[in-house]
C-alpha atoms as a PDB file:
ATOM      1  CA  VAL A   1       7.007  37.771 -28.416  1.00  0.00           C
ATOM      2  CA  GLN A   2      10.163  38.107 -31.044  1.00  0.00           C
ATOM      3  CA  LEU A   3      13.504  39.023 -29.370  1.00  0.00           C
ATOM      4  CA  GLN A   4      16.759  39.940 -30.647  1.00  0.00           C
ATOM      5  CA  ALA A   5      19.875  39.565 -29.545  1.00  0.00           C
ATOM      6  CA  PHE A   6      23.612  41.732 -30.240  1.00  0.00           C
ATOM      7  CA  GLY A   7      27.373  41.294 -28.555  1.00  0.00           C
ATOM      8  CA  GLY A   8      29.094  38.343 -28.877  1.00  0.00           C
ATOM      9  CA  GLY A   9      32.404  37.764 -30.026  1.00  0.00           C
ATOM     10  CA  LEU A  10      35.456  37.058 -29.219  1.00  0.00           C
ATOM     11  CA  VAL A  11      37.697  37.778 -26.564  1.00  0.00           C
ATOM     12  CA  GLN A  12      39.783  37.004 -24.506  1.00  0.00           C
ATOM     13  CA  ALA A  13      40.065  36.017 -20.952  1.00  0.00           C
ATOM     14  CA  GLY A  14      39.902  38.649 -18.189  1.00  0.00           C
ATOM     15  CA  GLY A  15      38.236  40.494 -21.473  1.00  0.00           C
ATOM     16  CA  SER A  16      34.783  42.644 -21.421  1.00  0.00           C
ATOM     17  CA  LEU A  17      31.794  42.133 -22.974  1.00  0.00           C
ATOM     18  CA  ARG A  18      27.879  43.463 -23.867  1.00  0.00           C
ATOM     19  CA  LEU A  19      25.592  41.533 -24.340  1.00  0.00           C
ATOM     20  CA  SER A  20      21.817  43.103 -25.290  1.00  0.00           C
ATOM     21  CA  CYS A  21      18.388  42.053 -26.730  1.00  0.00           C
ATOM     22  CA  THR A  22      15.154  44.118 -27.296  1.00  0.00           C
ATOM     23  CA  ALA A  23      12.325  42.848 -27.646  1.00  0.00           C
ATOM     24  CA  SER A  24       9.372  43.538 -29.383  1.00  0.00           C
ATOM     25  CA  GLY A  25       5.649  42.271 -30.407  1.00  0.00           C
ATOM     26  CA  SER A  26       3.721  41.688 -26.544  1.00  0.00           C
ATOM     27  CA  VAL A  27       5.985  43.435 -24.453  1.00  0.00           C
ATOM     28  CA  PHE A  28       3.176  44.567 -21.950  1.00  0.00           C
ATOM     29  CA  SER A  29       3.005  40.660 -20.723  1.00  0.00           C
ATOM     30  CA  LEU A  30       7.298  40.515 -19.810  1.00  0.00           C
ATOM     31  CA  VAL A  31       7.579  40.098 -16.212  1.00  0.00           C
ATOM     32  CA  GLY A  32      11.199  39.260 -16.127  1.00  0.00           C
ATOM     33  CA  MET A  33      13.343  39.051 -19.210  1.00  0.00           C
ATOM     34  CA  GLY A  34      17.773  37.213 -18.717  1.00  0.00           C
ATOM     35  CA  TRP A  35      19.772  34.966 -20.689  1.00  0.00           C
ATOM     36  CA  TYR A  36      20.727  31.619 -20.198  1.00  0.00           C
ATOM     37  CA  ARG A  37      23.599  30.109 -22.101  1.00  0.00           C
ATOM     38  CA  GLN A  38      24.802  26.431 -23.969  1.00  0.00           C
ATOM     39  CA  ALA A  39      28.444  25.131 -24.057  1.00  0.00           C
ATOM     40  CA  PRO A  40      29.382  22.439 -26.191  1.00  0.00           C
ATOM     41  CA  GLY A  41      28.568  19.147 -24.203  1.00  0.00           C
ATOM     42  CA  LYS A  42      26.508  20.951 -21.938  1.00  0.00           C
ATOM     43  CA  GLN A  43      22.971  21.531 -20.425  1.00  0.00           C
ATOM     44  CA  ARG A  44      21.809  24.650 -21.819  1.00  0.00           C
ATOM     45  CA  GLU A  45      22.101  27.114 -17.903  1.00  0.00           C
ATOM     46  CA  LEU A  46      20.858  29.957 -17.198  1.00  0.00           C
ATOM     47  CA  VAL A  47      23.402  32.586 -16.345  1.00  0.00           C
ATOM     48  CA  ALA A  48      20.985  35.596 -15.446  1.00  0.00           C
ATOM     49  CA  ARG A  49      17.696  37.433 -14.924  1.00  0.00           C
ATOM     50  CA  ILE A  50      15.815  40.808 -13.976  1.00  0.00           C
ATOM     51  CA  PHE A  51      12.381  40.737 -13.289  1.00  0.00           C
ATOM     52  CA  LEU A  52      10.149  44.404 -12.391  1.00  0.00           C
ATOM     53  CA  GLY A  53      11.334  46.218  -9.871  1.00  0.00           C
ATOM     54  CA  GLY A  54      15.206  45.516 -10.839  1.00  0.00           C
ATOM     55  CA  VAL A  55      14.800  41.549  -8.902  1.00  0.00           C
ATOM     56  CA  THR A  56      17.705  40.392 -10.397  1.00  0.00           C
ATOM     57  CA  ASN A  57      18.993  36.088 -10.453  1.00  0.00           C
ATOM     58  CA  TYR A  58      22.844  35.032 -11.156  1.00  0.00           C
ATOM     59  CA  ALA A  59      24.272  31.826 -11.642  1.00  0.00           C
ATOM     60  CA  ASP A  60      27.145  31.407  -8.759  1.00  0.00           C
ATOM     61  CA  SER A  61      29.961  30.986 -11.703  1.00  0.00           C
ATOM     62  CA  VAL A  62      29.126  34.000 -12.728  1.00  0.00           C
ATOM     63  CA  LYS A  63      28.301  35.844  -9.906  1.00  0.00           C
ATOM     64  CA  GLY A  64      30.810  38.897  -9.211  1.00  0.00           C
ATOM     65  CA  ARG A  65      31.430  39.159 -13.023  1.00  0.00           C
ATOM     66  CA  PHE A  66      28.419  39.521 -15.127  1.00  0.00           C
ATOM     67  CA  THR A  67      26.039  42.600 -14.673  1.00  0.00           C
ATOM     68  CA  ILE A  68      22.473  42.568 -16.216  1.00  0.00           C
ATOM     69  CA  SER A  69      20.068  45.384 -16.240  1.00  0.00           C
ATOM     70  CA  ARG A  70      16.759  46.403 -18.475  1.00  0.00           C
ATOM     71  CA  ASP A  71      15.470  50.034 -19.415  1.00  0.00           C
ATOM     72  CA  GLY A  72      11.331  49.084 -19.624  1.00  0.00           C
ATOM     73  CA  GLY A  73      11.490  51.901 -21.750  1.00  0.00           C
ATOM     74  CA  LYS A  74      13.393  50.459 -24.758  1.00  0.00           C
ATOM     75  CA  ASN A  75      12.000  47.265 -23.816  1.00  0.00           C
ATOM     76  CA  THR A  76      15.612  45.858 -23.986  1.00  0.00           C
ATOM     77  CA  VAL A  77      17.681  43.547 -21.362  1.00  0.00           C
ATOM     78  CA  TYR A  78      22.071  43.975 -21.555  1.00  0.00           C
ATOM     79  CA  LEU A  79      24.551  41.808 -19.992  1.00  0.00           C
ATOM     80  CA  GLN A  80      28.348  43.202 -19.016  1.00  0.00           C
ATOM     81  CA  MET A  81      30.448  40.954 -18.885  1.00  0.00           C
ATOM     82  CA  SER A  82      33.963  41.065 -17.254  1.00  0.00           C
ATOM     83  CA  SER A  83      36.863  39.211 -16.651  1.00  0.00           C
ATOM     84  CA  LEU A  84      35.646  36.832 -18.528  1.00  0.00           C
ATOM     85  CA  LYS A  85      36.621  32.571 -18.445  1.00  0.00           C
ATOM     86  CA  PRO A  86      37.144  30.125 -21.395  1.00  0.00           C
ATOM     87  CA  GLU A  87      34.862  28.652 -19.230  1.00  0.00           C
ATOM     88  CA  ASP A  88      32.450  31.369 -20.419  1.00  0.00           C
ATOM     89  CA  THR A  89      32.616  30.435 -23.495  1.00  0.00           C
ATOM     90  CA  ALA A  90      29.411  29.265 -25.539  1.00  0.00           C
ATOM     91  CA  VAL A  91      25.568  30.730 -27.367  1.00  0.00           C
ATOM     92  CA  TYR A  92      24.202  33.218 -24.807  1.00  0.00           C
ATOM     93  CA  TYR A  93      19.559  33.251 -25.682  1.00  0.00           C
ATOM     94  CA  CYS A  94      18.460  36.138 -24.456  1.00  0.00           C
ATOM     95  CA  THR A  95      14.941  34.952 -23.018  1.00  0.00           C
ATOM     96  CA  ALA A  96      12.304  36.612 -21.314  1.00  0.00           C
ATOM     97  CA  GLY A  97       8.795  35.728 -20.156  1.00  0.00           C
ATOM     98  CA  GLY A  98       7.011  34.990 -17.511  1.00  0.00           C
ATOM     99  CA  PRO A  99       8.032  34.325 -12.963  1.00  0.00           C
ATOM    100  CA  ARG A 100      11.053  32.177 -14.987  1.00  0.00           C
ATOM    101  CA  ALA A 101      11.715  34.507 -17.615  1.00  0.00           C
ATOM    102  CA  SER A 102      11.729  31.999 -20.084  1.00  0.00           C
ATOM    103  CA  ASP A 103       8.570  31.883 -22.657  1.00  0.00           C
ATOM    104  CA  TYR A 104      10.693  32.968 -25.363  1.00  0.00           C
ATOM    105  CA  TRP A 105      13.755  32.587 -26.723  1.00  0.00           C
ATOM    106  CA  GLY A 106      15.930  34.703 -29.166  1.00  0.00           C
ATOM    107  CA  GLN A 107      18.446  33.475 -31.418  1.00  0.00           C
ATOM    108  CA  GLY A 108      21.332  33.350 -29.785  1.00  0.00           C
ATOM    109  CA  THR A 109      25.135  35.323 -29.500  1.00  0.00           C
ATOM    110  CA  GLN A 110      28.112  33.249 -29.444  1.00  0.00           C
ATOM    111  CA  VAL A 111      30.671  34.224 -26.829  1.00  0.00           C
ATOM    112  CA  THR A 112      33.657  32.711 -27.083  1.00  0.00           C
ATOM    113  CA  VAL A 113      36.988  33.358 -25.017  1.00  0.00           C
ATOM    114  CA  SER A 114      40.285  32.756 -25.662  1.00  0.00           C
ATOM    115  CA  SER A 115      43.213  31.625 -22.840  1.00  0.00           C
END
């Protein structure tokens, strides 16, 4: 499985960005897709994930601000990020796989939120 992510960039605090990630290869095995992030000097953390049937999980820090969605027909997952904060600055990684949705990882895309 290969994951290609798009949509990172620089945005001011309070702004919005949408990340997208398309999976290719053995996509029939993908129960879940999601996003993790890693900020400088911090551990990688789960941001959000979505499973077949539409079940979603979010980190507490992004609940109410971020929305994950999935287009099964296109094997694509989206992360709509709103009300962005400087602490959201990180490299965001698209993931996919089984119950943890983290067997496969994309290359990462930088999101920078300026204050």
